[in-house]
Amino acid sequence: MVMGKTPFLSITIWDNNAARMAEIDHNIHLVLRELKLKGIVNSISEPPLLARENLLNRVPVLEIEEKYWSLKANTVIGQTEIKNLLIKIVSFDSSRDVKEVIKA
């Protein structure tokens, strides 16, 4: 993550269900826009890679800044969960109050 006025995130969705990945991707973009964050969202759905990373039983999984995050297996990760996670991950510079973002 490059620190500055607006953090830039690298987010990867690991999943083997195309419809669920599309919904999570949409949710991530909505939250990024709401929190005024920038980032690139990628998707990985290749079963051999999922198996090699031991993620098959945990999908969907978000990889953010080289860390893996999952909630409940085989369930769409909603906007609220993504927002809460990104608020915890991102270090806001001193000109921005996290409480202001949470209330928005």
Protein backbone atom coordinates (compact mmCIF):
# COMPACT_ATOMS: atom_id res chain seq x y z
CA MET A 1 0.00 0.00 0.00
CA VAL A 2 1.43 3.36 -0.99
CA MET A 3 0.84 5.89 1.73
CA GLY A 4 -0.10 9.43 0.91
CA LYS A 5 -3.31 11.38 0.68
CA THR A 6 -5.25 8.40 -0.73
CA PRO A 7 -4.02 4.85 -0.05
CA PHE A 8 -3.85 2.54 -3.07
CA LEU A 9 -4.89 -1.05 -2.35
CA SER A 10 -4.26 -4.30 -4.14
CA ILE A 11 -7.22 -6.63 -3.63
CA THR A 12 -7.62 -10.15 -5.02
CA ILE A 13 -10.81 -12.17 -4.84
CA TRP A 14 -10.10 -15.91 -4.60
CA ASP A 15 -13.18 -17.96 -5.47
CA ASN A 16 -14.44 -20.72 -7.77
CA ASN A 17 -17.94 -19.27 -8.29
CA ALA A 18 -18.13 -16.64 -11.06
CA ALA A 19 -21.46 -15.11 -9.97
CA ARG A 20 -20.32 -14.73 -6.37
CA MET A 21 -17.00 -13.21 -7.51
CA ALA A 22 -18.84 -10.66 -9.65
CA GLU A 23 -21.05 -9.65 -6.73
CA ILE A 24 -18.10 -9.32 -4.36
CA ASP A 25 -16.18 -7.32 -6.98
CA HIS A 26 -19.14 -4.95 -7.28
CA ASN A 27 -19.35 -4.61 -3.48
CA ILE A 28 -15.62 -3.84 -3.23
CA HIS A 29 -15.84 -1.11 -5.85
CA LEU A 30 -18.83 0.50 -4.11
CA VAL A 31 -16.98 0.52 -0.78
CA LEU A 32 -13.76 1.85 -2.32
CA ARG A 33 -15.75 4.71 -3.83
CA GLU A 34 -17.59 5.36 -0.55
CA LEU A 35 -14.36 5.47 1.46
CA LYS A 36 -12.62 7.49 -1.26
CA LEU A 37 -9.93 4.82 -1.66
CA LYS A 38 -8.21 3.69 -4.81
CA GLY A 39 -7.20 0.19 -5.71
CA ILE A 40 -7.00 -2.59 -8.22
CA VAL A 41 -9.30 -5.60 -7.82
CA ASN A 42 -8.23 -8.91 -9.39
CA SER A 43 -9.91 -12.31 -9.38
CA ILE A 44 -8.38 -15.77 -9.22
CA SER A 45 -10.59 -18.78 -9.79
CA GLU A 46 -8.23 -21.51 -10.95
CA PRO A 47 -8.81 -24.65 -8.85
CA PRO A 48 -5.12 -25.68 -8.82
CA LEU A 49 -4.11 -22.30 -7.40
CA LEU A 50 -6.95 -22.34 -4.88
CA ALA A 51 -5.86 -25.80 -3.76
CA ARG A 52 -2.17 -24.87 -3.60
CA GLU A 53 -3.01 -21.91 -1.35
CA ASN A 54 -5.30 -24.13 0.79
CA LEU A 55 -8.28 -21.90 0.04
CA LEU A 56 -10.75 -24.33 -1.57
CA ASN A 57 -12.67 -24.92 1.66
CA ARG A 58 -12.65 -21.22 2.61
CA VAL A 59 -13.75 -19.46 -0.59
CA PRO A 60 -14.53 -16.69 -1.08
CA VAL A 61 -11.30 -15.20 0.27
CA LEU A 62 -10.02 -11.66 -0.10
CA GLU A 63 -6.29 -11.11 -0.36
CA ILE A 64 -5.51 -7.54 0.66
CA GLU A 65 -1.93 -6.37 0.91
CA GLU A 66 -0.68 -10.00 0.91
CA LYS A 67 -2.96 -11.09 3.78
CA TYR A 68 -5.93 -13.45 3.41
CA TRP A 69 -9.37 -12.62 4.84
CA SER A 70 -12.49 -14.79 4.83
CA LEU A 71 -15.78 -14.87 6.67
CA LYS A 72 -18.19 -17.70 5.95
CA ALA A 73 -17.45 -20.26 3.23
CA ASN A 74 -19.60 -20.15 0.08
CA THR A 75 -21.25 -16.85 1.06
CA VAL A 76 -21.05 -13.45 -0.64
CA ILE A 77 -18.98 -10.91 1.28
CA GLY A 78 -21.26 -7.90 1.67
CA GLN A 79 -20.56 -4.19 1.56
CA THR A 80 -20.75 -3.79 5.34
CA GLU A 81 -18.16 -6.52 5.95
CA ILE A 82 -15.85 -5.12 3.28
CA LYS A 83 -16.20 -1.58 4.63
CA ASN A 84 -15.41 -2.68 8.19
CA LEU A 85 -12.40 -4.64 6.97
CA LEU A 86 -10.97 -1.83 4.84
CA ILE A 87 -11.39 0.69 7.66
CA LYS A 88 -9.33 -1.61 9.90
CA ILE A 89 -6.67 -2.24 7.25
CA VAL A 90 -6.11 1.25 5.92
CA SER A 91 -4.03 3.67 7.93
CA PHE A 92 -5.54 7.07 7.43
CA ASP A 93 -3.19 10.03 7.43
CA SER A 94 -3.62 12.70 10.10
CA SER A 95 -5.79 14.88 7.85
CA ARG A 96 -8.57 12.29 7.85
CA ASP A 97 -10.59 11.12 10.84
CA VAL A 98 -11.58 7.45 10.79
CA LYS A 99 -14.72 8.26 12.80
CA GLU A 100 -15.81 10.56 9.97
CA VAL A 101 -15.49 7.69 7.49
CA ILE A 102 -17.39 5.24 9.72
CA LYS A 103 -20.32 7.67 10.10
CA ALA A 104 -20.54 8.28 6.34
